[in-house]
Amino acid sequence: MPPGKNNTGPGRWIALVLVSAFMGTIVAGALYWANNREKVGHFAGRVGGRALEDLGVIHIPDATPPGGAIPELSKDEDSIRYEWRYGADVPDEQSVEELELARSLADRVPDFPDRFREVLSLTREYQFMAARGKLDALIADFGKDVPPAVRRAHELLLLTWGDRLLHEGRNAQAALILLELEALNPKDRSFERPLGLAFYRAGDREKAFPFLSAVYARAGARAGINFELGELYYFRGELDKARPLLESVRGANQHEAARLLAKIGRESYVEGEFREIEGYEGGNFRVSFDGTQNVRAAYGTRVILEQARRDIGRQFGFYPKDKIAVVLYTRVQYNRALSAP
């Protein structure tokens, strides 16, 4: 266009309209995202190549939502739930898994389809609060208003989901889900076996033992946990209880059970030696005190050393064959020995 000519042609107006429409789209988009936390509605998304139809549920992400972090717990509790619940549109992998599992359970629970939105919302609420140590408060405050049908559906969803995570080897996640179920309904013992196995497979024997021992007390060998419980008894030093459980193991864990039984046999022999101590001359240690034999001091010391030998031998699978010489000193003699040139 020549210099100085007035630019009022149709091309200029078309360009202005396009720019205005583009800016309007940006402003509308910004307003939509700004108001997103006030919206509770349907969603459809695609995660891992799988399309989600409009399920009519509220998406409540359990991880840091895209584009923002979960708020700090120092904020007001209602504000935390609100911001976390509506902070993202796109479902994460766990949301997809939960939704698919809930749909598969819909025909097995009364009122589940009609209560779909409430069940999913409740499940995610409990997960969020449990992960932040707030589950007890939520049960006392929020859970009391949950209709019985929704509560039953929610508990079944947690149990089925926890069992699935366990079979997939996601033991820490399974334990978290099943602990929620324990807190919600401790009288329903269906969570004990999967929860005990989740702790066991995660390597937490102390937490696994009360659940698995309770299951075995009720169901016996039908519980299918003879190997796991036998191994727990072994590490607790209760060999008499471990042995019959391990002897009954068949199938996948039979070889490992035989290995533990061999160790129990060796340890029982060591324990027999320990119990046969008479005076100061028996056992695996030769103790002297102040350069002379002292029966009382030697025997009391040997009791402690024999127990230590047994515990350490169990951990490392090694027991020295020769006697170990031990010399006891008084505090004065010990200090003199240290100060000697």
C-alpha atoms as a PDB file:
ATOM      1  CA  MET A   1       0.000   0.000   0.000  1.00  0.00           C
ATOM      2  CA  PRO A   2       1.433   3.446  -0.902  1.00  0.00           C
ATOM      3  CA  PRO A   3       2.562   5.633   2.002  1.00  0.00           C
ATOM      4  CA  GLY A   4      -0.032   8.061   3.319  1.00  0.00           C
ATOM      5  CA  LYS A   5      -3.015   6.172   1.955  1.00  0.00           C
ATOM      6  CA  ASN A   6      -5.872   5.661   4.417  1.00  0.00           C
ATOM      7  CA  ASN A   7      -6.072   1.941   5.448  1.00  0.00           C
ATOM      8  CA  THR A   8      -9.858   1.595   5.657  1.00  0.00           C
ATOM      9  CA  GLY A   9     -10.426  -1.227   3.180  1.00  0.00           C
ATOM     10  CA  PRO A  10     -12.316  -4.449   3.857  1.00  0.00           C
ATOM     11  CA  GLY A  11      -9.042  -6.346   4.446  1.00  0.00           C
ATOM     12  CA  ARG A  12      -8.284  -4.189   7.501  1.00  0.00           C
ATOM     13  CA  TRP A  13     -11.735  -4.801   8.995  1.00  0.00           C
ATOM     14  CA  ILE A  14     -11.464  -8.539   8.430  1.00  0.00           C
ATOM     15  CA  ALA A  15      -8.100  -8.532  10.205  1.00  0.00           C
ATOM     16  CA  LEU A  16      -9.556  -6.562  13.128  1.00  0.00           C
ATOM     17  CA  VAL A  17     -12.465  -8.992  13.441  1.00  0.00           C
ATOM     18  CA  LEU A  18     -10.117 -11.972  13.447  1.00  0.00           C
ATOM     19  CA  VAL A  19      -7.855 -10.391  16.071  1.00  0.00           C
ATOM     20  CA  SER A  20     -10.866  -9.515  18.248  1.00  0.00           C
ATOM     21  CA  ALA A  21     -12.241 -13.036  17.975  1.00  0.00           C
ATOM     22  CA  PHE A  22      -8.842 -14.496  18.864  1.00  0.00           C
ATOM     23  CA  MET A  23      -8.489 -12.235  21.908  1.00  0.00           C
ATOM     24  CA  GLY A  24     -12.052 -13.001  22.939  1.00  0.00           C
ATOM     25  CA  THR A  25     -11.290 -16.703  22.825  1.00  0.00           C
ATOM     26  CA  ILE A  26      -8.279 -16.195  25.056  1.00  0.00           C
ATOM     27  CA  VAL A  27     -10.284 -14.127  27.560  1.00  0.00           C
ATOM     28  CA  ALA A  28     -13.142 -16.655  27.551  1.00  0.00           C
ATOM     29  CA  GLY A  29     -10.680 -19.470  28.091  1.00  0.00           C
ATOM     30  CA  ALA A  30      -9.058 -17.655  30.989  1.00  0.00           C
ATOM     31  CA  LEU A  31     -12.436 -16.997  32.569  1.00  0.00           C
ATOM     32  CA  TYR A  32     -13.397 -20.641  32.130  1.00  0.00           C
ATOM     33  CA  TRP A  33     -10.280 -21.891  33.878  1.00  0.00           C
ATOM     34  CA  ALA A  34     -10.642 -19.252  36.579  1.00  0.00           C
ATOM     35  CA  ASN A  35     -14.146 -20.483  37.291  1.00  0.00           C
ATOM     36  CA  ASN A  36     -13.340 -24.157  36.852  1.00  0.00           C
ATOM     37  CA  ARG A  37     -13.238 -24.804  40.614  1.00  0.00           C
ATOM     38  CA  GLU A  38     -16.845 -23.668  40.860  1.00  0.00           C
ATOM     39  CA  LYS A  39     -17.987 -26.268  38.364  1.00  0.00           C
ATOM     40  CA  VAL A  40     -19.219 -29.719  39.260  1.00  0.00           C
ATOM     41  CA  GLY A  41     -20.183 -31.574  36.146  1.00  0.00           C
ATOM     42  CA  HIS A  42     -19.493 -34.310  33.680  1.00  0.00           C
ATOM     43  CA  PHE A  43     -16.139 -34.928  32.110  1.00  0.00           C
ATOM     44  CA  ALA A  44     -14.797 -36.876  29.199  1.00  0.00           C
ATOM     45  CA  GLY A  45     -11.112 -37.398  28.593  1.00  0.00           C
ATOM     46  CA  ARG A  46      -8.518 -39.732  27.198  1.00  0.00           C
ATOM     47  CA  VAL A  47      -5.784 -41.304  29.297  1.00  0.00           C
ATOM     48  CA  GLY A  48      -3.340 -43.913  28.031  1.00  0.00           C
ATOM     49  CA  GLY A  49      -5.219 -44.199  24.726  1.00  0.00           C
ATOM     50  CA  ARG A  50      -8.516 -45.082  26.443  1.00  0.00           C
ATOM     51  CA  ALA A  51     -11.566 -42.894  25.987  1.00  0.00           C
ATOM     52  CA  LEU A  52     -13.871 -42.139  28.889  1.00  0.00           C
ATOM     53  CA  GLU A  53     -17.490 -41.578  28.045  1.00  0.00           C
ATOM     54  CA  ASP A  54     -19.569 -39.093  29.969  1.00  0.00           C
ATOM     55  CA  LEU A  55     -19.970 -41.056  33.220  1.00  0.00           C
ATOM     56  CA  GLY A  56     -21.721 -38.376  35.207  1.00  0.00           C
ATOM     57  CA  VAL A  57     -19.215 -38.370  38.069  1.00  0.00           C
ATOM     58  CA  ILE A  58     -17.040 -35.797  39.750  1.00  0.00           C
ATOM     59  CA  HIS A  59     -13.340 -36.183  39.067  1.00  0.00           C
ATOM     60  CA  ILE A  60     -11.303 -35.849  42.227  1.00  0.00           C
ATOM     61  CA  PRO A  61      -7.591 -36.388  41.458  1.00  0.00           C
ATOM     62  CA  ASP A  62      -5.472 -38.147  44.062  1.00  0.00           C
ATOM     63  CA  ALA A  63      -2.187 -36.692  42.858  1.00  0.00           C
ATOM     64  CA  THR A  64      -0.972 -33.175  42.098  1.00  0.00           C
ATOM     65  CA  PRO A  65      -3.406 -31.941  39.453  1.00  0.00           C
ATOM     66  CA  PRO A  66      -2.093 -30.660  36.087  1.00  0.00           C
ATOM     67  CA  GLY A  67      -1.136 -27.035  36.337  1.00  0.00           C
ATOM     68  CA  GLY A  68      -1.300 -26.744  40.098  1.00  0.00           C
ATOM     69  CA  ALA A  69      -0.329 -28.220  43.438  1.00  0.00           C
ATOM     70  CA  ILE A  70      -2.513 -29.627  46.156  1.00  0.00           C
ATOM     71  CA  PRO A  71      -3.018 -26.879  48.752  1.00  0.00           C
ATOM     72  CA  GLU A  72      -1.191 -26.909  52.063  1.00  0.00           C
ATOM     73  CA  LEU A  73      -2.994 -28.344  55.077  1.00  0.00           C
ATOM     74  CA  SER A  74      -2.623 -25.072  56.939  1.00  0.00           C
ATOM     75  CA  LYS A  75      -5.638 -23.778  55.033  1.00  0.00           C
ATOM     76  CA  ASP A  76      -9.209 -24.177  56.180  1.00  0.00           C
ATOM     77  CA  GLU A  77     -10.287 -27.810  55.836  1.00  0.00           C
ATOM     78  CA  ASP A  78     -13.289 -27.084  53.643  1.00  0.00           C
ATOM     79  CA  SER A  79     -11.117 -24.953  51.402  1.00  0.00           C
ATOM     80  CA  ILE A  80      -8.672 -27.851  51.058  1.00  0.00           C
ATOM     81  CA  ARG A  81     -11.354 -30.280  49.961  1.00  0.00           C
ATOM     82  CA  TYR A  82     -12.893 -27.764  47.584  1.00  0.00           C
ATOM     83  CA  GLU A  83      -9.658 -26.733  45.907  1.00  0.00           C
ATOM     84  CA  TRP A  84      -8.427 -30.295  45.626  1.00  0.00           C
ATOM     85  CA  ARG A  85     -11.703 -31.680  44.353  1.00  0.00           C
ATOM     86  CA  TYR A  86     -12.251 -29.267  41.500  1.00  0.00           C
ATOM     87  CA  GLY A  87      -8.661 -28.382  40.653  1.00  0.00           C
ATOM     88  CA  ALA A  88      -8.359 -30.392  37.413  1.00  0.00           C
ATOM     89  CA  ASP A  89     -10.440 -31.564  34.460  1.00  0.00           C
ATOM     90  CA  VAL A  90      -8.415 -34.435  33.046  1.00  0.00           C
ATOM     91  CA  PRO A  91      -8.609 -37.772  34.906  1.00  0.00           C
ATOM     92  CA  ASP A  92      -5.327 -39.410  35.896  1.00  0.00           C
ATOM     93  CA  GLU A  93      -4.542 -43.126  35.541  1.00  0.00           C
ATOM     94  CA  GLN A  94      -5.833 -43.990  38.992  1.00  0.00           C
ATOM     95  CA  SER A  95      -9.098 -42.186  38.301  1.00  0.00           C
ATOM     96  CA  VAL A  96      -9.565 -44.228  35.146  1.00  0.00           C
ATOM     97  CA  GLU A  97      -8.854 -47.444  37.039  1.00  0.00           C
ATOM     98  CA  GLU A  98     -11.278 -46.526  39.783  1.00  0.00           C
ATOM     99  CA  LEU A  99     -14.046 -45.604  37.373  1.00  0.00           C
ATOM    100  CA  GLU A 100     -13.684 -48.796  35.370  1.00  0.00           C
ATOM    101  CA  LEU A 101     -13.699 -50.900  38.544  1.00  0.00           C
ATOM    102  CA  ALA A 102     -16.760 -49.112  39.890  1.00  0.00           C
ATOM    103  CA  ARG A 103     -18.619 -49.723  36.639  1.00  0.00           C
ATOM    104  CA  SER A 104     -17.771 -53.433  36.874  1.00  0.00           C
ATOM    105  CA  LEU A 105     -19.293 -53.544  40.370  1.00  0.00           C
ATOM    106  CA  ALA A 106     -22.429 -51.610  39.503  1.00  0.00           C
ATOM    107  CA  ASP A 107     -24.621 -54.688  39.047  1.00  0.00           C
ATOM    108  CA  ARG A 108     -23.519 -56.300  42.322  1.00  0.00           C
ATOM    109  CA  VAL A 109     -24.524 -53.594  44.785  1.00  0.00           C
ATOM    110  CA  PRO A 110     -28.042 -52.284  45.428  1.00  0.00           C
ATOM    111  CA  ASP A 111     -28.451 -48.674  44.309  1.00  0.00           C
ATOM    112  CA  PHE A 112     -24.894 -48.561  42.968  1.00  0.00           C
ATOM    113  CA  PRO A 113     -25.814 -47.160  39.517  1.00  0.00           C
ATOM    114  CA  ASP A 114     -28.079 -44.516  41.003  1.00  0.00           C
ATOM    115  CA  ARG A 115     -25.478 -43.575  43.592  1.00  0.00           C
ATOM    116  CA  PHE A 116     -22.528 -43.666  41.219  1.00  0.00           C
ATOM    117  CA  ARG A 117     -21.607 -40.027  41.657  1.00  0.00           C
ATOM    118  CA  GLU A 118     -21.772 -40.216  45.460  1.00  0.00           C
ATOM    119  CA  VAL A 119     -19.764 -43.425  45.723  1.00  0.00           C
ATOM    120  CA  LEU A 120     -16.905 -42.154  43.573  1.00  0.00           C
ATOM    121  CA  SER A 121     -16.866 -38.791  45.313  1.00  0.00           C
ATOM    122  CA  LEU A 122     -16.806 -40.468  48.728  1.00  0.00           C
ATOM    123  CA  THR A 123     -14.013 -42.855  47.721  1.00  0.00           C
ATOM    124  CA  ARG A 124     -11.750 -40.078  46.531  1.00  0.00           C
ATOM    125  CA  GLU A 125     -12.529 -37.964  49.571  1.00  0.00           C
ATOM    126  CA  TYR A 126     -11.462 -40.754  51.901  1.00  0.00           C
ATOM    127  CA  GLN A 127      -8.264 -41.402  49.929  1.00  0.00           C
ATOM    128  CA  PHE A 128      -7.278 -37.771  50.059  1.00  0.00           C
ATOM    129  CA  MET A 129      -7.907 -37.439  53.776  1.00  0.00           C
ATOM    130  CA  ALA A 130      -6.255 -40.770  54.638  1.00  0.00           C
ATOM    131  CA  ALA A 131      -3.081 -39.777  52.815  1.00  0.00           C
ATOM    132  CA  ARG A 132      -2.919 -36.673  54.990  1.00  0.00           C
ATOM    133  CA  GLY A 133      -3.672 -38.322  58.321  1.00  0.00           C
ATOM    134  CA  LYS A 134      -7.182 -36.822  58.477  1.00  0.00           C
ATOM    135  CA  LEU A 135      -9.233 -39.976  57.995  1.00  0.00           C
ATOM    136  CA  ASP A 136     -10.488 -40.253  61.590  1.00  0.00           C
ATOM    137  CA  ALA A 137     -11.874 -36.738  61.510  1.00  0.00           C
ATOM    138  CA  LEU A 138     -13.537 -37.370  58.175  1.00  0.00           C
ATOM    139  CA  ILE A 139     -15.195 -40.563  59.398  1.00  0.00           C
ATOM    140  CA  ALA A 140     -16.546 -38.829  62.482  1.00  0.00           C
ATOM    141  CA  ASP A 141     -17.758 -35.744  60.614  1.00  0.00           C
ATOM    142  CA  PHE A 142     -18.456 -36.576  57.008  1.00  0.00           C
ATOM    143  CA  GLY A 143     -19.082 -40.329  57.076  1.00  0.00           C
ATOM    144  CA  LYS A 144     -22.049 -40.201  59.446  1.00  0.00           C
ATOM    145  CA  ASP A 145     -24.185 -38.547  56.769  1.00  0.00           C
ATOM    146  CA  VAL A 146     -23.511 -41.173  54.101  1.00  0.00           C
ATOM    147  CA  PRO A 147     -26.597 -43.233  53.125  1.00  0.00           C
ATOM    148  CA  PRO A 148     -26.261 -46.968  53.941  1.00  0.00           C
ATOM    149  CA  ALA A 149     -26.443 -48.031  50.282  1.00  0.00           C
ATOM    150  CA  VAL A 150     -23.640 -45.667  49.361  1.00  0.00           C
ATOM    151  CA  ARG A 151     -21.551 -46.840  52.303  1.00  0.00           C
ATOM    152  CA  ARG A 152     -21.959 -50.494  51.274  1.00  0.00           C
ATOM    153  CA  ALA A 153     -21.047 -49.702  47.701  1.00  0.00           C
ATOM    154  CA  HIS A 154     -18.057 -47.670  48.835  1.00  0.00           C
ATOM    155  CA  GLU A 155     -16.755 -50.459  51.090  1.00  0.00           C
ATOM    156  CA  LEU A 156     -17.100 -53.050  48.339  1.00  0.00           C
ATOM    157  CA  LEU A 157     -15.259 -50.765  45.937  1.00  0.00           C
ATOM    158  CA  LEU A 158     -12.392 -50.327  48.411  1.00  0.00           C
ATOM    159  CA  LEU A 159     -12.125 -54.063  49.102  1.00  0.00           C
ATOM    160  CA  THR A 160     -12.173 -55.021  45.423  1.00  0.00           C
ATOM    161  CA  TRP A 161      -9.766 -52.282  44.489  1.00  0.00           C
ATOM    162  CA  GLY A 162      -7.344 -53.168  47.284  1.00  0.00           C
ATOM    163  CA  ASP A 163      -7.436 -56.829  46.258  1.00  0.00           C
ATOM    164  CA  ARG A 164      -6.687 -55.916  42.657  1.00  0.00           C
ATOM    165  CA  LEU A 165      -3.741 -53.726  43.649  1.00  0.00           C
ATOM    166  CA  LEU A 166      -2.402 -56.580  45.785  1.00  0.00           C
ATOM    167  CA  HIS A 167      -2.532 -59.053  42.896  1.00  0.00           C
ATOM    168  CA  GLU A 168      -0.755 -56.523  40.681  1.00  0.00           C
ATOM    169  CA  GLY A 169       2.080 -56.170  43.195  1.00  0.00           C
ATOM    170  CA  ARG A 170       1.233 -52.589  44.175  1.00  0.00           C
ATOM    171  CA  ASN A 171       1.423 -53.442  47.853  1.00  0.00           C
ATOM    172  CA  ALA A 172       1.816 -49.959  49.344  1.00  0.00           C
ATOM    173  CA  GLN A 173      -1.210 -48.672  47.424  1.00  0.00           C
ATOM    174  CA  ALA A 174      -3.216 -51.741  48.384  1.00  0.00           C
ATOM    175  CA  ALA A 175      -2.393 -51.235  52.064  1.00  0.00           C
ATOM    176  CA  LEU A 176      -3.534 -47.601  51.912  1.00  0.00           C
ATOM    177  CA  ILE A 177      -6.875 -48.518  50.336  1.00  0.00           C
ATOM    178  CA  LEU A 178      -7.501 -51.401  52.749  1.00  0.00           C
ATOM    179  CA  LEU A 179      -6.560 -49.343  55.805  1.00  0.00           C
ATOM    180  CA  GLU A 180      -9.337 -46.963  54.800  1.00  0.00           C
ATOM    181  CA  LEU A 181     -11.736 -49.893  54.774  1.00  0.00           C
ATOM    182  CA  GLU A 182     -10.533 -50.980  58.227  1.00  0.00           C
ATOM    183  CA  ALA A 183     -11.146 -47.489  59.584  1.00  0.00           C
ATOM    184  CA  LEU A 184     -14.604 -47.320  58.008  1.00  0.00           C
ATOM    185  CA  ASN A 185     -15.851 -50.717  59.129  1.00  0.00           C
ATOM    186  CA  PRO A 186     -13.505 -52.529  61.549  1.00  0.00           C
ATOM    187  CA  LYS A 187     -16.173 -55.163  62.302  1.00  0.00           C
ATOM    188  CA  ASP A 188     -16.066 -56.436  58.729  1.00  0.00           C
ATOM    189  CA  ARG A 189     -12.957 -58.648  58.769  1.00  0.00           C
ATOM    190  CA  SER A 190     -12.849 -59.165  54.998  1.00  0.00           C
ATOM    191  CA  PHE A 191      -9.993 -56.669  54.734  1.00  0.00           C
ATOM    192  CA  GLU A 192      -7.674 -58.558  57.123  1.00  0.00           C
ATOM    193  CA  ARG A 193      -6.233 -61.140  54.760  1.00  0.00           C
ATOM    194  CA  PRO A 194      -5.426 -58.793  51.832  1.00  0.00           C
ATOM    195  CA  LEU A 195      -4.190 -56.106  54.210  1.00  0.00           C
ATOM    196  CA  GLY A 196      -1.933 -58.539  56.062  1.00  0.00           C
ATOM    197  CA  LEU A 197      -0.546 -59.838  52.767  1.00  0.00           C
ATOM    198  CA  ALA A 198       0.027 -56.288  51.515  1.00  0.00           C
ATOM    199  CA  PHE A 199       2.127 -55.495  54.583  1.00  0.00           C
ATOM    200  CA  TYR A 200       3.908 -58.860  54.353  1.00  0.00           C
ATOM    201  CA  ARG A 201       4.856 -58.415  50.697  1.00  0.00           C
ATOM    202  CA  ALA A 202       5.977 -54.866  51.384  1.00  0.00           C
ATOM    203  CA  GLY A 203       8.405 -56.263  53.988  1.00  0.00           C
ATOM    204  CA  ASP A 204       6.622 -54.923  57.074  1.00  0.00           C
ATOM    205  CA  ARG A 205       6.403 -58.078  59.200  1.00  0.00           C
ATOM    206  CA  GLU A 206       5.333 -56.303  62.384  1.00  0.00           C
ATOM    207  CA  LYS A 207       2.219 -54.839  60.767  1.00  0.00           C
ATOM    208  CA  ALA A 208       1.439 -57.996  58.803  1.00  0.00           C
ATOM    209  CA  PHE A 209       1.475 -60.373  61.777  1.00  0.00           C
ATOM    210  CA  PRO A 210      -1.669 -59.319  63.704  1.00  0.00           C
ATOM    211  CA  PHE A 211      -3.817 -59.412  60.562  1.00  0.00           C
ATOM    212  CA  LEU A 212      -2.565 -62.762  59.239  1.00  0.00           C
ATOM    213  CA  SER A 213      -2.589 -64.446  62.640  1.00  0.00           C
ATOM    214  CA  ALA A 214      -6.189 -63.294  63.177  1.00  0.00           C
ATOM    215  CA  VAL A 215      -7.212 -64.679  59.788  1.00  0.00           C
ATOM    216  CA  TYR A 216      -5.552 -68.032  60.514  1.00  0.00           C
ATOM    217  CA  ALA A 217      -7.203 -68.214  63.928  1.00  0.00           C
ATOM    218  CA  ARG A 218     -10.593 -68.004  62.213  1.00  0.00           C
ATOM    219  CA  ALA A 219     -10.040 -69.939  59.002  1.00  0.00           C
ATOM    220  CA  GLY A 220      -7.015 -72.179  59.599  1.00  0.00           C
ATOM    221  CA  ALA A 221      -5.398 -73.721  56.538  1.00  0.00           C
ATOM    222  CA  ARG A 222      -8.336 -72.572  54.386  1.00  0.00           C
ATOM    223  CA  ALA A 223      -6.903 -69.062  54.562  1.00  0.00           C
ATOM    224  CA  GLY A 224      -3.995 -70.136  52.339  1.00  0.00           C
ATOM    225  CA  ILE A 225      -1.391 -68.252  54.355  1.00  0.00           C
ATOM    226  CA  ASN A 226       0.515 -71.099  55.994  1.00  0.00           C
ATOM    227  CA  PHE A 227       3.842 -70.121  54.471  1.00  0.00           C
ATOM    228  CA  GLU A 228       3.525 -66.394  55.166  1.00  0.00           C
ATOM    229  CA  LEU A 229       2.442 -66.905  58.767  1.00  0.00           C
ATOM    230  CA  GLY A 230       5.042 -69.636  59.309  1.00  0.00           C
ATOM    231  CA  GLU A 231       7.783 -67.304  58.146  1.00  0.00           C
ATOM    232  CA  LEU A 232       6.477 -64.549  60.407  1.00  0.00           C
ATOM    233  CA  TYR A 233       6.586 -66.907  63.383  1.00  0.00           C
ATOM    234  CA  TYR A 234      10.138 -67.888  62.424  1.00  0.00           C
ATOM    235  CA  PHE A 235      11.356 -64.305  62.462  1.00  0.00           C
ATOM    236  CA  ARG A 236       9.592 -63.773  65.757  1.00  0.00           C
ATOM    237  CA  GLY A 237      11.643 -66.631  67.198  1.00  0.00           C
ATOM    238  CA  GLU A 238       8.554 -68.806  67.801  1.00  0.00           C
ATOM    239  CA  LEU A 239       9.970 -71.915  66.166  1.00  0.00           C
ATOM    240  CA  ASP A 240       7.436 -74.338  67.647  1.00  0.00           C
ATOM    241  CA  LYS A 241       4.633 -72.425  65.922  1.00  0.00           C
ATOM    242  CA  ALA A 242       6.551 -71.887  62.692  1.00  0.00           C
ATOM    243  CA  ARG A 243       7.490 -75.544  62.134  1.00  0.00           C
ATOM    244  CA  PRO A 244       4.006 -77.129  61.649  1.00  0.00           C
ATOM    245  CA  LEU A 245       2.877 -74.303  59.394  1.00  0.00           C
ATOM    246  CA  LEU A 246       5.923 -74.604  57.152  1.00  0.00           C
ATOM    247  CA  GLU A 247       5.715 -78.407  57.084  1.00  0.00           C
ATOM    248  CA  SER A 248       2.205 -78.145  55.640  1.00  0.00           C
ATOM    249  CA  VAL A 249       3.205 -75.842  52.752  1.00  0.00           C
ATOM    250  CA  ARG A 250       2.752 -77.228  49.242  1.00  0.00           C
ATOM    251  CA  GLY A 251       3.067 -75.656  45.842  1.00  0.00           C
ATOM    252  CA  ALA A 252       4.887 -72.454  44.930  1.00  0.00           C
ATOM    253  CA  ASN A 253       6.452 -71.799  48.337  1.00  0.00           C
ATOM    254  CA  GLN A 254       7.371 -75.397  49.154  1.00  0.00           C
ATOM    255  CA  HIS A 255      11.072 -74.996  48.349  1.00  0.00           C
ATOM    256  CA  GLU A 256      11.368 -71.841  50.454  1.00  0.00           C
ATOM    257  CA  ALA A 257       9.486 -73.526  53.289  1.00  0.00           C
ATOM    258  CA  ALA A 258      11.966 -76.430  53.195  1.00  0.00           C
ATOM    259  CA  ARG A 259      14.848 -73.966  53.441  1.00  0.00           C
ATOM    260  CA  LEU A 260      13.323 -72.356  56.523  1.00  0.00           C
ATOM    261  CA  LEU A 261      12.674 -75.763  58.088  1.00  0.00           C
ATOM    262  CA  ALA A 262      16.363 -76.638  57.651  1.00  0.00           C
ATOM    263  CA  LYS A 263      17.288 -73.420  59.420  1.00  0.00           C
ATOM    264  CA  ILE A 264      14.826 -74.216  62.199  1.00  0.00           C
ATOM    265  CA  GLY A 265      16.476 -77.623  62.583  1.00  0.00           C
ATOM    266  CA  ARG A 266      19.906 -76.043  62.991  1.00  0.00           C
ATOM    267  CA  GLU A 267      18.611 -73.460  65.422  1.00  0.00           C
ATOM    268  CA  SER A 268      16.786 -76.082  67.479  1.00  0.00           C
ATOM    269  CA  TYR A 269      20.092 -77.911  67.852  1.00  0.00           C
ATOM    270  CA  VAL A 270      21.766 -74.707  68.999  1.00  0.00           C
ATOM    271  CA  GLU A 271      18.897 -74.061  71.390  1.00  0.00           C
ATOM    272  CA  GLY A 272      19.317 -77.556  72.799  1.00  0.00           C
ATOM    273  CA  GLU A 273      22.981 -76.835  73.436  1.00  0.00           C
ATOM    274  CA  PHE A 274      22.037 -73.609  75.135  1.00  0.00           C
ATOM    275  CA  ARG A 275      19.582 -75.337  77.476  1.00  0.00           C
ATOM    276  CA  GLU A 276      22.122 -77.960  78.420  1.00  0.00           C
ATOM    277  CA  ILE A 277      24.467 -75.419  79.983  1.00  0.00           C
ATOM    278  CA  GLU A 278      25.454 -76.599  83.435  1.00  0.00           C
ATOM    279  CA  GLY A 279      27.657 -74.438  85.598  1.00  0.00           C
ATOM    280  CA  TYR A 280      30.217 -72.464  83.630  1.00  0.00           C
ATOM    281  CA  GLU A 281      31.794 -75.184  81.482  1.00  0.00           C
ATOM    282  CA  GLY A 282      28.981 -75.907  79.007  1.00  0.00           C
ATOM    283  CA  GLY A 283      27.846 -73.985  75.932  1.00  0.00           C
ATOM    284  CA  ASN A 284      29.881 -72.200  73.305  1.00  0.00           C
ATOM    285  CA  PHE A 285      31.855 -69.764  75.491  1.00  0.00           C
ATOM    286  CA  ARG A 286      34.673 -70.202  77.978  1.00  0.00           C
ATOM    287  CA  VAL A 287      34.489 -67.399  80.523  1.00  0.00           C
ATOM    288  CA  SER A 288      37.157 -66.360  83.035  1.00  0.00           C
ATOM    289  CA  PHE A 289      36.958 -63.603  85.603  1.00  0.00           C
ATOM    290  CA  ASP A 290      39.953 -61.844  87.071  1.00  0.00           C
ATOM    291  CA  GLY A 291      42.219 -64.605  85.799  1.00  0.00           C
ATOM    292  CA  THR A 292      40.321 -67.342  87.677  1.00  0.00           C
ATOM    293  CA  GLN A 293      37.165 -69.402  87.162  1.00  0.00           C
ATOM    294  CA  ASN A 294      34.097 -67.863  88.767  1.00  0.00           C
ATOM    295  CA  VAL A 295      30.977 -69.985  88.325  1.00  0.00           C
ATOM    296  CA  ARG A 296      28.366 -67.347  89.090  1.00  0.00           C
ATOM    297  CA  ALA A 297      29.877 -64.599  86.925  1.00  0.00           C
ATOM    298  CA  ALA A 298      30.634 -67.031  84.106  1.00  0.00           C
ATOM    299  CA  TYR A 299      27.154 -68.560  84.034  1.00  0.00           C
ATOM    300  CA  GLY A 300      25.288 -65.216  84.058  1.00  0.00           C
ATOM    301  CA  THR A 301      27.485 -63.873  81.293  1.00  0.00           C
ATOM    302  CA  ARG A 302      27.134 -67.027  79.215  1.00  0.00           C
ATOM    303  CA  VAL A 303      23.336 -66.852  79.294  1.00  0.00           C
ATOM    304  CA  ILE A 304      23.506 -63.441  77.641  1.00  0.00           C
ATOM    305  CA  LEU A 305      26.166 -64.489  75.116  1.00  0.00           C
ATOM    306  CA  GLU A 306      24.362 -67.678  74.117  1.00  0.00           C
ATOM    307  CA  GLN A 307      21.186 -65.739  73.399  1.00  0.00           C
ATOM    308  CA  ALA A 308      23.151 -63.208  71.348  1.00  0.00           C
ATOM    309  CA  ARG A 309      24.831 -66.055  69.420  1.00  0.00           C
ATOM    310  CA  ARG A 310      21.455 -67.562  68.669  1.00  0.00           C
ATOM    311  CA  ASP A 311      19.914 -64.292  67.447  1.00  0.00           C
ATOM    312  CA  ILE A 312      22.907 -63.327  65.303  1.00  0.00           C
ATOM    313  CA  GLY A 313      23.200 -66.859  63.924  1.00  0.00           C
ATOM    314  CA  ARG A 314      19.585 -66.739  62.813  1.00  0.00           C
ATOM    315  CA  GLN A 315      20.131 -63.527  60.902  1.00  0.00           C
ATOM    316  CA  PHE A 316      23.362 -64.583  59.160  1.00  0.00           C
ATOM    317  CA  GLY A 317      22.935 -68.363  59.073  1.00  0.00           C
ATOM    318  CA  PHE A 318      26.337 -68.953  60.701  1.00  0.00           C
ATOM    319  CA  TYR A 319      27.320 -70.498  64.016  1.00  0.00           C
ATOM    320  CA  PRO A 320      31.014 -70.736  65.029  1.00  0.00           C
ATOM    321  CA  LYS A 321      32.043 -74.304  65.909  1.00  0.00           C
ATOM    322  CA  ASP A 322      34.844 -73.588  68.386  1.00  0.00           C
ATOM    323  CA  LYS A 323      34.323 -72.157  71.821  1.00  0.00           C
ATOM    324  CA  ILE A 324      34.892 -68.444  72.176  1.00  0.00           C
ATOM    325  CA  ALA A 325      37.108 -67.268  75.033  1.00  0.00           C
ATOM    326  CA  VAL A 326      35.720 -64.380  77.072  1.00  0.00           C
ATOM    327  CA  VAL A 327      37.586 -62.538  79.838  1.00  0.00           C
ATOM    328  CA  LEU A 328      35.736 -60.428  82.397  1.00  0.00           C
ATOM    329  CA  TYR A 329      37.375 -57.551  84.241  1.00  0.00           C
ATOM    330  CA  THR A 330      36.320 -55.264  87.051  1.00  0.00           C
ATOM    331  CA  ARG A 331      35.969 -51.611  86.109  1.00  0.00           C
ATOM    332  CA  VAL A 332      39.264 -50.832  87.917  1.00  0.00           C
ATOM    333  CA  GLN A 333      41.105 -53.569  86.070  1.00  0.00           C
ATOM    334  CA  TYR A 334      39.615 -52.421  82.760  1.00  0.00           C
ATOM    335  CA  ASN A 335      40.734 -48.838  83.307  1.00  0.00           C
ATOM    336  CA  ARG A 336      44.213 -50.035  84.262  1.00  0.00           C
ATOM    337  CA  ALA A 337      44.418 -52.122  81.111  1.00  0.00           C
ATOM    338  CA  LEU A 338      43.479 -49.127  78.973  1.00  0.00           C
ATOM    339  CA  SER A 339      46.072 -46.884  80.620  1.00  0.00           C
ATOM    340  CA  ALA A 340      48.893 -49.419  80.398  1.00  0.00           C
ATOM    341  CA  PRO A 341      51.705 -48.409  78.012  1.00  0.00           C
END
